[in-house]
N, C-alpha and C. Protein backbone atom coordinates (compact mmCIF):
# COMPACT_ATOMS: atom_id res chain seq x y z
N MET A 1 108.46 139.83 25.38
CA MET A 1 109.41 138.81 25.89
C MET A 1 109.96 138.33 24.15
N LYS A 2 110.99 137.77 24.23
CA LYS A 2 112.14 137.53 22.94
C LYS A 2 112.43 136.07 23.72
N LEU A 3 112.02 135.16 21.99
CA LEU A 3 113.18 134.17 22.62
C LEU A 3 114.69 134.14 22.91
N GLY A 4 115.22 133.87 23.84
CA GLY A 4 116.62 134.34 24.18
C GLY A 4 116.30 135.30 25.57
N ASP A 5 115.30 135.59 25.90
CA ASP A 5 115.64 136.77 27.32
C ASP A 5 115.60 136.05 28.30
N ILE A 6 116.65 136.31 29.36
CA ILE A 6 117.00 136.09 30.43
C ILE A 6 115.84 136.28 31.48
N LEU A 7 115.21 135.79 32.12
CA LEU A 7 114.13 135.80 32.99
C LEU A 7 114.92 135.80 34.42
N ILE A 8 114.38 136.64 35.55
CA ILE A 8 114.53 136.69 37.19
C ILE A 8 112.84 135.77 37.34
N ASN A 9 113.31 134.24 38.49
CA ASN A 9 111.45 134.10 39.05
C ASN A 9 112.09 134.78 40.25
N ARG A 10 111.43 135.74 40.75
CA ARG A 10 111.87 136.05 42.08
C ARG A 10 110.95 135.27 43.35
N TRP A 11 110.64 133.83 42.67
CA TRP A 11 109.43 133.61 43.72
C TRP A 11 110.44 132.16 43.93
N ALA A 12 111.19 131.55 43.52
CA ALA A 12 112.32 130.66 43.29
C ALA A 12 113.36 130.74 44.56
N GLY A 13 113.60 130.36 45.31
CA GLY A 13 114.60 130.01 46.28
C GLY A 13 115.97 129.97 46.13
N HIS A 14 116.53 128.98 45.54
CA HIS A 14 117.72 128.75 44.81
C HIS A 14 117.80 129.45 43.90
N VAL A 15 119.28 129.77 43.65
CA VAL A 15 119.67 131.03 42.66
C VAL A 15 119.71 129.94 41.48
N ASP A 16 119.75 128.85 41.14
CA ASP A 16 119.79 128.11 40.12
C ASP A 16 118.65 127.80 39.22
N THR A 17 117.79 128.17 40.51
CA THR A 17 116.46 128.00 39.49
C THR A 17 115.52 129.51 39.42
N ARG A 18 116.57 130.37 39.72
CA ARG A 18 115.99 131.53 40.23
C ARG A 18 115.94 132.73 38.43
N TYR A 19 117.41 131.75 37.93
CA TYR A 19 117.31 132.57 36.13
C TYR A 19 117.03 131.59 35.34
N PHE A 20 116.51 131.92 33.85
CA PHE A 20 116.04 131.06 33.01
C PHE A 20 116.07 131.60 31.94
N ILE A 21 116.64 130.61 30.86
CA ILE A 21 116.08 131.56 29.42
C ILE A 21 114.46 130.80 28.74
N TYR A 22 114.01 132.20 28.34
CA TYR A 22 112.88 131.94 27.68
C TYR A 22 112.94 131.78 26.29
N LEU A 23 112.22 130.13 25.98
CA LEU A 23 112.42 129.20 24.63
C LEU A 23 110.34 129.41 23.93
N GLY A 24 109.52 130.32 24.82
CA GLY A 24 108.69 130.50 23.83
C GLY A 24 107.40 130.11 24.60
N THR A 25 106.07 129.89 23.88
CA THR A 25 104.91 129.50 24.89
C THR A 25 104.30 128.40 23.81
N ASP A 26 103.58 128.02 24.45
CA ASP A 26 103.29 126.46 24.25
C ASP A 26 101.43 126.00 24.76
N GLY A 27 100.86 126.41 23.75
CA GLY A 27 99.38 126.20 24.91
C GLY A 27 98.94 127.78 25.84
N LYS A 28 98.91 126.86 27.44
CA LYS A 28 99.48 128.04 28.59
C LYS A 28 100.33 127.75 28.69
N TYR A 29 101.79 127.58 28.76
CA TYR A 29 102.77 127.39 29.57
C TYR A 29 103.69 128.38 28.74
N ALA A 30 104.57 128.91 29.23
CA ALA A 30 105.60 129.15 28.67
C ALA A 30 107.19 128.60 29.08
N GLN A 31 107.48 128.17 28.48
CA GLN A 31 108.75 127.48 28.12
C GLN A 31 110.10 127.69 28.61
N GLY A 32 110.92 127.37 29.33
CA GLY A 32 112.18 127.92 29.42
C GLY A 32 113.07 127.04 29.82
N LEU A 33 114.68 127.68 29.69
CA LEU A 33 115.40 126.47 29.90
C LEU A 33 116.51 127.14 30.98
N GLU A 34 116.71 126.22 32.03
CA GLU A 34 117.67 126.82 33.16
C GLU A 34 118.74 125.39 33.20
N TYR A 35 119.99 126.26 33.87
CA TYR A 35 121.21 125.32 33.97
C TYR A 35 121.10 125.27 35.40
N THR A 36 121.06 124.08 36.02
CA THR A 36 120.68 123.72 37.53
C THR A 36 121.57 122.58 37.41
N GLN A 37 122.61 122.34 38.64
CA GLN A 37 123.47 121.47 39.32
C GLN A 37 124.25 120.97 37.97
N GLY A 38 124.94 121.55 37.06
CA GLY A 38 125.64 121.27 35.88
C GLY A 38 124.45 120.34 34.81
N LYS A 39 123.16 120.76 35.11
CA LYS A 39 122.67 120.17 33.81
C LYS A 39 121.58 120.89 33.27
N TRP A 40 121.42 120.97 31.70
CA TRP A 40 120.16 121.89 31.59
C TRP A 40 118.91 121.44 31.46
N LYS A 41 118.05 121.78 31.56
CA LYS A 41 116.93 121.19 32.08
C LYS A 41 115.47 122.23 31.64
N ARG A 42 115.23 121.61 30.83
CA ARG A 42 113.38 122.17 30.15
C ARG A 42 112.43 122.33 31.04
N ILE A 43 111.54 123.86 31.22
CA ILE A 43 110.80 124.02 32.01
C ILE A 43 109.56 124.96 32.09
N ASN A 44 108.22 124.41 32.81
CA ASN A 44 107.42 125.03 31.73
C ASN A 44 107.15 126.11 33.27
N TYR A 45 106.24 126.91 32.67
CA TYR A 45 105.67 128.48 34.09
C TYR A 45 104.11 128.29 33.54
N TYR A 46 103.18 128.57 33.84
CA TYR A 46 102.10 129.08 33.89
C TYR A 46 102.25 130.39 32.74
N LYS A 47 101.92 130.69 31.57
CA LYS A 47 102.06 132.14 30.92
C LYS A 47 101.18 133.12 31.19
N SER A 48 100.23 132.54 32.03
CA SER A 48 99.32 133.97 32.77
C SER A 48 100.03 134.22 34.05
N ASP A 49 101.13 133.49 34.35
CA ASP A 49 101.62 134.02 35.88
C ASP A 49 103.16 134.82 35.02
N ILE A 50 103.63 134.50 34.34
CA ILE A 50 104.75 135.66 33.97
C ILE A 50 104.15 136.74 33.53
N LYS A 51 103.20 136.88 32.77
CA LYS A 51 102.66 137.88 32.09
C LYS A 51 101.99 138.76 32.92
N ASN A 52 101.57 138.42 34.26
CA ASN A 52 100.82 138.94 35.37
C ASN A 52 102.33 140.05 35.63
N ASP A 53 101.42 141.40 36.17
CA ASP A 53 103.06 141.95 37.28
C ASP A 53 102.65 141.64 38.92
N TYR A 54 102.58 140.50 38.90
CA TYR A 54 102.57 140.11 40.23
C TYR A 54 104.14 140.66 41.11
N LYS A 55 104.07 141.18 42.40
CA LYS A 55 105.04 141.94 42.59
C LYS A 55 105.27 140.90 44.14
N SER A 56 106.94 141.51 44.63
CA SER A 56 107.23 140.22 45.86
C SER A 56 108.25 142.02 46.17
N ASN A 57 108.14 142.39 47.24
CA ASN A 57 108.56 143.20 48.17
C ASN A 57 108.97 144.41 46.86
N GLY A 58 107.97 144.82 46.30
CA GLY A 58 108.13 145.87 44.85
C GLY A 58 108.54 145.60 43.86
N GLU A 59 109.11 144.47 43.48
CA GLU A 59 109.66 144.10 42.36
C GLU A 59 108.47 142.74 41.48
N LYS A 60 108.83 142.97 40.25
CA LYS A 60 108.26 142.13 39.69
C LYS A 60 108.28 140.57 39.93
N VAL A 61 107.60 139.37 39.62
CA VAL A 61 108.03 138.33 40.37
C VAL A 61 108.67 138.12 39.07
N TYR A 62 108.42 137.97 37.49
CA TYR A 62 108.99 137.50 36.89
C TYR A 62 109.66 138.87 35.78
N GLU A 63 110.86 139.07 35.51
CA GLU A 63 111.00 140.64 35.05
C GLU A 63 112.28 139.96 33.66
N VAL A 64 112.60 140.40 32.81
CA VAL A 64 114.20 140.43 31.87
C VAL A 64 115.04 140.75 32.53
N VAL A 65 116.16 140.45 32.59
CA VAL A 65 117.07 141.05 32.69
C VAL A 65 118.18 140.76 32.10
N GLY A 66 118.05 140.10 31.24
CA GLY A 66 119.05 139.95 29.99
C GLY A 66 118.83 139.26 28.83
N HIS A 67 119.63 138.77 27.68
CA HIS A 67 119.00 138.20 26.79
C HIS A 67 120.80 137.49 26.34
N THR A 68 120.64 136.38 25.54
CA THR A 68 121.74 135.41 25.27
C THR A 68 121.42 134.99 23.72
N ASN A 69 122.40 135.33 23.12
CA ASN A 69 122.26 134.92 21.38
C ASN A 69 122.85 133.28 21.34
N PHE A 70 122.15 132.75 22.46
CA PHE A 70 123.08 131.06 21.87
C PHE A 70 122.06 130.56 20.72
N LEU A 71 121.02 130.86 20.26
CA LEU A 71 120.65 130.19 19.44
C LEU A 71 121.24 130.75 18.04
N ASP A 72 121.53 131.67 18.07
CA ASP A 72 121.88 132.54 16.70
C ASP A 72 123.71 131.67 16.79
N ILE A 73 124.24 131.19 17.89
CA ILE A 73 125.56 130.52 17.92
C ILE A 73 125.35 129.31 17.38
N ALA A 74 123.95 128.26 17.60
CA ALA A 74 123.69 127.31 17.78
C ALA A 74 123.42 127.04 16.16
N LYS A 75 122.96 128.18 15.26
CA LYS A 75 122.42 127.78 14.03
C LYS A 75 123.87 128.67 12.94
N GLU A 76 124.78 128.81 13.37
CA GLU A 76 125.92 129.33 12.80
C GLU A 76 126.72 127.62 12.42
N ASP A 77 126.56 127.24 14.00
CA ASP A 77 127.18 125.88 13.53
C ASP A 77 126.61 124.78 13.38
N LEU A 78 125.13 124.99 13.24
CA LEU A 78 124.60 123.72 12.51
C LEU A 78 124.85 124.15 10.94
N GLN A 79 124.61 125.26 10.64
CA GLN A 79 125.08 126.10 9.19
C GLN A 79 126.19 125.32 8.57
N LYS A 80 127.38 125.28 9.43
CA LYS A 80 128.50 125.20 8.99
C LYS A 80 128.86 123.24 8.56
N PHE A 81 127.91 122.62 9.02
CA PHE A 81 127.72 121.21 8.70
C PHE A 81 126.57 120.84 7.29
N LYS A 82 126.11 121.50 7.36
CA LYS A 82 125.27 121.75 6.17
C LYS A 82 125.75 122.57 5.17
N GLU A 83 126.83 123.07 5.01
CA GLU A 83 127.44 123.89 3.76
C GLU A 83 128.29 122.73 3.66
N SER A 84 128.83 122.31 4.91
CA SER A 84 130.19 120.65 4.57
C SER A 84 129.69 119.81 3.78
N ASP A 85 128.28 119.29 4.26
CA ASP A 85 127.67 118.19 3.58
C ASP A 85 126.99 118.25 2.30
N ASN A 86 127.10 119.69 1.68
CA ASN A 86 126.89 120.10 0.40
C ASN A 86 127.90 119.79 -0.69
N LYS A 87 128.95 119.81 0.15
CA LYS A 87 130.47 120.13 -0.92
C LYS A 87 130.73 118.38 -1.37
């Protein structure tokens, strides 16, 4: 799993909480970012749950379904400010 991967959580009931962006791990938790009801929310899942091959109706419960380059965009935006500050 890579930073920025989009995962599905098939145990989640509502579509707002079904998809999240993977941000990495911290101890026993995998951290993510979900967009729910018009707001960004930082979330934690047990790392062991995400790494295990749990199945729900024959499909993996947690599975990478895409990737976002949001960090690359944020890095470019920050770099523009840093460059303008050096002038």
